[in-house]
Protein backbone atom coordinates (compact mmCIF):
# COMPACT_ATOMS: atom_id res chain seq x y z
CA MET A 1 -4.58 55.32 31.55
CA THR A 2 -6.39 52.76 33.53
CA ILE A 3 -10.18 51.53 33.55
CA THR A 4 -11.38 53.47 36.55
CA ASP A 5 -9.65 56.47 34.50
CA THR A 6 -12.46 56.26 31.93
CA MET A 7 -15.55 55.22 34.35
CA PRO A 8 -17.85 58.25 34.64
CA PRO A 9 -19.25 59.30 37.97
CA ALA A 10 -22.34 57.55 37.56
CA GLU A 11 -20.55 53.94 36.74
CA ALA A 12 -19.08 54.27 39.93
CA ASP A 13 -21.43 51.86 42.07
CA ILE A 14 -24.43 50.09 41.03
CA THR A 15 -27.15 48.25 43.18
CA ASP A 16 -29.03 45.12 42.26
CA PRO A 17 -32.00 44.99 43.85
CA GLY A 18 -31.96 42.38 46.43
CA GLY A 19 -28.16 41.81 46.26
CA PRO A 20 -25.21 43.47 47.28
CA SER A 21 -23.80 47.04 45.51
CA ILE A 22 -21.67 45.59 42.32
CA SER A 23 -19.18 48.17 40.87
CA SER A 24 -18.50 49.26 37.13
CA VAL A 25 -15.18 47.69 38.01
CA GLY A 26 -16.12 44.15 38.95
CA LYS A 27 -18.73 44.47 36.05
CA ALA A 28 -15.67 45.13 33.46
CA LEU A 29 -13.72 42.38 35.02
CA GLN A 30 -16.83 39.91 34.44
CA LEU A 31 -16.78 40.87 30.91
CA LEU A 32 -12.59 40.29 30.94
CA ASP A 33 -13.38 36.87 32.51
CA ALA A 34 -15.93 36.13 29.96
CA PHE A 35 -13.41 35.48 27.41
CA LEU A 36 -11.90 32.94 29.45
CA THR A 37 -14.90 30.55 28.61
CA ILE A 38 -16.25 32.02 24.97
CA GLY A 39 -12.55 32.22 23.21
CA PRO A 40 -10.72 34.86 22.13
CA VAL A 41 -13.02 36.57 19.84
CA ALA A 42 -16.60 37.48 20.82
CA GLY A 43 -19.78 39.54 20.16
CA VAL A 44 -21.37 41.94 22.78
CA SER A 45 -24.21 39.54 22.98
CA GLU A 46 -21.99 36.65 24.25
CA LEU A 47 -20.28 38.30 26.54
CA ALA A 48 -23.11 40.09 28.08
CA ARG A 49 -25.02 36.49 28.52
CA ALA A 50 -21.48 34.93 29.79
CA ALA A 51 -21.11 37.79 32.34
CA GLY A 52 -24.71 38.00 33.52
CA LEU A 53 -25.09 41.61 32.08
CA PRO A 54 -27.75 43.51 30.65
CA LYS A 55 -26.32 43.84 26.64
CA SER A 56 -26.29 47.85 27.04
CA THR A 57 -24.03 47.75 30.25
CA ALA A 58 -21.83 45.59 28.38
CA PHE A 59 -21.67 47.52 25.74
CA ARG A 60 -20.85 50.50 27.84
CA LEU A 61 -18.27 49.09 29.41
CA LEU A 62 -16.58 47.46 26.42
CA ASN A 63 -15.79 50.87 25.20
CA HIS A 64 -14.34 51.90 28.38
CA LEU A 65 -12.11 48.95 28.12
CA GLN A 66 -11.27 49.70 24.73
CA MET A 67 -10.35 53.32 25.75
CA ALA A 68 -8.13 52.17 28.10
CA GLY A 69 -6.51 49.53 25.82
CA TYR A 70 -7.53 46.29 27.38
CA VAL A 71 -9.75 45.44 24.30
CA GLU A 72 -10.25 45.98 20.57
CA HIS A 73 -12.78 45.74 18.36
CA SER A 74 -13.38 44.71 14.62
CA GLY A 75 -16.93 45.37 13.03
CA SER A 76 -19.09 43.34 15.89
CA ASP A 77 -16.44 41.15 17.75
CA TYR A 78 -14.09 42.03 20.48
CA TYR A 79 -11.00 40.59 21.68
CA LEU A 80 -8.37 41.11 24.09
CA ASN A 81 -5.48 43.71 23.24
CA LEU A 82 -1.71 43.51 24.34
CA ARG A 83 -2.32 45.66 27.21
CA VAL A 84 -4.00 42.66 28.89
CA PHE A 85 -0.59 40.38 27.82
CA GLU A 86 1.65 42.83 29.52
CA LEU A 87 -0.24 42.76 32.47
CA GLY A 88 -0.24 39.09 32.57
CA SER A 89 3.60 39.07 32.04
CA GLN A 90 4.25 40.94 35.31
CA VAL A 91 3.05 37.92 37.08
CA GLY A 92 5.72 36.99 39.11
CA VAL A 93 6.35 33.99 37.96
CA CYS A 94 6.19 35.23 34.23
CA ARG A 95 8.85 37.98 34.89
CA PRO A 96 12.11 37.94 33.20
CA ASP A 97 13.50 36.59 36.49
CA GLY A 98 10.56 34.45 37.26
CA LEU A 99 10.18 30.79 37.64
CA ARG A 100 9.15 30.55 33.71
CA ALA A 101 12.20 32.07 32.57
CA LEU A 102 14.19 30.00 34.70
CA ALA A 103 12.48 26.99 33.93
CA ALA A 104 11.99 27.20 29.83
CA PRO A 105 15.29 25.97 29.06
CA PHE A 106 15.10 22.46 30.87
CA VAL A 107 11.67 22.23 29.33
CA ALA A 108 12.64 22.68 25.86
CA GLU A 109 15.36 20.36 26.43
CA LEU A 110 12.83 18.11 27.64
CA PHE A 111 11.04 18.38 24.74
CA ARG A 112 13.94 17.67 22.54
CA GLU A 113 15.00 14.39 24.54
CA THR A 114 11.23 12.87 24.27
CA SER A 115 10.04 14.46 20.88
CA HIS A 116 6.64 15.40 22.83
CA ALA A 117 4.98 18.13 24.31
CA ALA A 118 6.55 19.32 27.22
CA HIS A 119 4.67 21.72 29.78
CA LEU A 120 5.03 23.91 32.91
CA ALA A 121 2.65 24.45 35.19
CA VAL A 122 1.61 25.97 38.75
CA LEU A 123 -1.19 24.95 40.86
CA ASP A 124 -3.88 27.60 41.29
CA GLY A 125 -6.53 25.98 43.98
CA PRO A 126 -8.15 23.18 42.39
CA GLU A 127 -6.69 23.69 39.19
CA VAL A 128 -3.16 23.44 37.31
CA LEU A 129 -2.20 26.77 34.86
CA TYR A 130 0.15 26.07 32.39
CA ILE A 131 2.44 28.77 32.19
CA GLU A 132 4.88 27.22 29.36
CA LYS A 133 4.41 24.45 26.40
CA ILE A 134 7.00 23.45 24.20
CA ALA A 135 6.22 21.36 21.03
CA GLY A 136 7.36 20.72 17.43
CA HIS A 137 5.69 21.10 14.21
CA ASN A 138 5.72 17.34 13.78
CA ALA A 139 5.42 16.63 17.91
CA PRO A 140 1.49 15.07 18.04
CA ARG A 141 -1.12 17.59 19.09
CA VAL A 142 -2.28 18.07 22.68
CA PRO A 143 -5.04 20.04 23.72
CA THR A 144 -2.88 21.97 26.03
CA ALA A 145 -2.30 25.95 25.81
CA VAL A 146 -0.50 28.56 27.75
CA GLY A 147 -2.73 29.91 29.64
CA GLY A 148 -5.10 27.15 29.89
CA ARG A 149 -6.43 25.32 32.92
CA MET A 150 -7.49 22.06 33.82
CA PRO A 151 -8.39 20.04 36.96
CA ALA A 152 -5.60 19.10 39.22
CA SER A 153 -7.36 15.76 40.04
CA CYS A 154 -7.08 14.30 36.52
CA THR A 155 -3.72 15.79 35.27
CA ALA A 156 -0.23 14.12 36.03
CA LEU A 157 0.77 17.84 36.92
CA GLY A 158 -1.75 18.58 39.32
CA LYS A 159 -1.45 15.04 40.85
CA ALA A 160 2.43 15.90 40.88
CA MET A 161 2.12 18.84 43.11
CA LEU A 162 -0.89 18.24 45.60
CA PRO A 163 1.07 15.69 47.87
CA PHE A 164 4.04 18.24 48.42
CA GLY A 165 3.03 21.44 50.84
CA HIS A 166 -0.99 21.52 49.43
CA ASP A 167 -2.87 19.51 52.13
CA GLU A 168 -5.69 22.09 51.85
CA ALA A 169 -6.22 22.27 48.08
CA THR A 170 -6.36 18.65 48.65
CA ARG A 171 -9.05 19.09 50.89
CA LYS A 172 -10.97 21.50 49.03
CA ILE A 173 -10.66 19.13 45.69
CA LEU A 174 -12.35 15.95 47.92
CA SER A 175 -14.85 18.06 49.22
CA ALA A 176 -15.96 19.52 46.24
CA GLY A 177 -16.40 16.33 44.43
CA LEU A 178 -13.68 14.94 41.84
CA THR A 179 -14.16 15.93 38.63
CA ARG A 180 -14.68 13.14 35.70
CA ARG A 181 -12.96 14.13 32.12
CA THR A 182 -13.13 10.75 31.00
CA PRO A 183 -14.05 7.34 31.90
CA HIS A 184 -10.72 7.04 33.34
CA SER A 185 -10.62 9.58 35.76
CA ALA A 186 -10.36 8.78 39.50
CA THR A 187 -13.52 9.93 41.00
CA ALA A 188 -13.40 7.80 44.09
CA PRO A 189 -11.80 9.47 47.00
CA GLY A 190 -10.09 6.31 48.00
CA LEU A 191 -8.43 5.87 44.80
CA PHE A 192 -7.65 9.26 44.41
CA THR A 193 -5.52 9.69 47.85
CA SER A 194 -4.21 5.99 47.35
CA GLN A 195 -2.62 7.44 44.04
CA LEU A 196 -1.25 10.78 45.84
CA ARG A 197 0.25 8.86 48.74
CA ARG A 198 2.13 6.99 46.32
CA ILE A 199 3.21 10.18 44.18
CA GLY A 200 4.50 11.57 47.37
CA GLU A 201 6.57 8.11 48.07
CA THR A 202 7.73 8.38 44.19
CA GLY A 203 7.74 12.12 43.25
CA VAL A 204 6.22 10.98 39.81
CA ALA A 205 2.49 11.45 38.52
CA PHE A 206 0.98 9.93 35.80
CA ASP A 207 -2.43 10.59 33.70
CA ARG A 208 -3.26 7.73 31.39
CA GLU A 209 -6.28 9.27 29.50
CA GLU A 210 -7.61 10.68 32.79
CA SER A 211 -7.64 14.14 31.63
CA THR A 212 -8.26 13.34 27.64
CA LEU A 213 -8.61 10.72 25.63
CA GLY A 214 -5.84 9.27 24.01
CA VAL A 215 -3.51 11.32 25.57
CA ALA A 216 -1.00 9.95 28.35
CA CYS A 217 0.97 12.12 30.53
CA VAL A 218 3.85 11.92 33.15
CA ALA A 219 4.95 14.68 35.56
CA ALA A 220 7.36 15.82 38.66
CA PRO A 221 6.78 18.44 40.88
CA ILE A 222 9.88 21.22 41.11
CA LYS A 223 10.11 21.95 44.99
CA PHE A 224 11.44 24.39 47.27
CA ARG A 225 11.55 23.81 50.73
CA GLY A 226 9.53 20.60 50.54
CA THR A 227 6.53 22.53 48.82
CA ALA A 228 5.94 22.20 45.24
CA VAL A 229 5.81 25.53 43.27
CA ALA A 230 5.63 24.26 39.77
CA ALA A 231 5.56 21.18 37.80
CA VAL A 232 6.85 19.77 34.73
CA SER A 233 5.70 17.20 32.42
CA VAL A 234 5.63 15.40 28.89
CA SER A 235 2.44 14.37 27.20
CA GLY A 236 1.68 12.53 24.25
CA PRO A 237 -0.76 10.18 22.52
CA THR A 238 -0.98 6.88 24.29
CA SER A 239 0.09 4.88 21.37
CA ARG A 240 3.72 6.58 20.96
CA LEU A 241 3.92 7.53 25.08
CA ASP A 242 5.50 5.42 27.46
CA PRO A 243 5.03 7.04 30.80
CA GLU A 244 6.76 4.42 32.84
CA LYS A 245 10.37 4.82 30.26
CA THR A 246 9.80 8.50 30.34
CA ALA A 247 9.55 9.18 33.88
CA PRO A 248 13.33 9.26 34.65
CA ARG A 249 13.77 12.03 32.28
CA VAL A 250 10.85 14.51 33.74
CA LEU A 251 12.44 13.46 37.27
CA ARG A 252 15.80 14.36 36.35
CA THR A 253 14.60 17.91 34.68
CA ALA A 254 12.34 18.23 37.58
CA ALA A 255 15.48 17.99 39.60
CA ARG A 256 17.68 20.58 37.91
CA ILE A 257 14.88 22.82 37.78
CA SER A 258 14.33 22.44 41.94
CA ALA A 259 18.33 23.02 42.43
CA LEU A 260 18.81 25.82 40.18
CA TYR A 261 15.72 27.97 41.92
CA ALA A 262 16.80 27.47 45.26
CA ARG A 263 19.91 28.81 44.39
CA GLN A 264 18.15 31.68 43.24
CA GLN A 265 16.12 32.35 46.22
CA ALA A 266 19.09 31.69 48.22
CA GLU A 267 21.05 34.62 46.21
CA ARG A 268 17.85 36.87 46.51
CA THR A 269 17.72 36.24 50.27
CA ARG A 270 21.80 37.12 50.42
CA GLN A 271 21.12 40.33 48.23
CA ALA A 272 18.32 41.52 50.75
CA ILE A 273 20.19 40.82 53.88
CA ALA A 274 23.46 42.54 52.33
């Protein structure tokens, strides 16, 4: 069953006065997107405000989404259902033979070697999207999560990827204005481009409290044919993590993942030709 299977004909196309036609599918997607800003559990009024919809419309569409298995509710609270998780797991990097599965053992090993949170992320426009995180019970808490996002300009992961095949994303970031998350974030275009130039030479990026106060990070790109397809990092409290000393481990891990990814892609090419 899909969302459209449950939509009555009257909901198929709604035109806002003075604006373009907005389909009910589009409105339903706005409601799903609202969970990204509100959190995992929200009431219909909160979701309606975040999605910019009338409460009655939000309530009606949430019922459709529930029938299709995408949301569930308990009392007056709504939350995403496992159907969304299943759908997200079909994204290429998350499938069993995708980049996440390939890199996960190396990320886990990086955590074991450093005792700090280890991450795997991809670049999505001006942001990094975390697709893996390994941390232990006793490891210092780092405010990141699988499925979470951060501005690429103030994270080591983002800066590690931008110099390698992502010139257009870099131009858009600069034209939109650099994000200031902390007093340490690089907001001067000249300083930022200088950082990226250096990263392009060394292959390693640092975040010294640029994204979160009290947290340092070191990252390196996972490259395929010269382009960064992802990046791996280690994050921890500035009082306990020395980015310079940790950099060689992160670089080595990124190189190992890059080599395995290249072999995987070559094998897929051979199979396609055969």
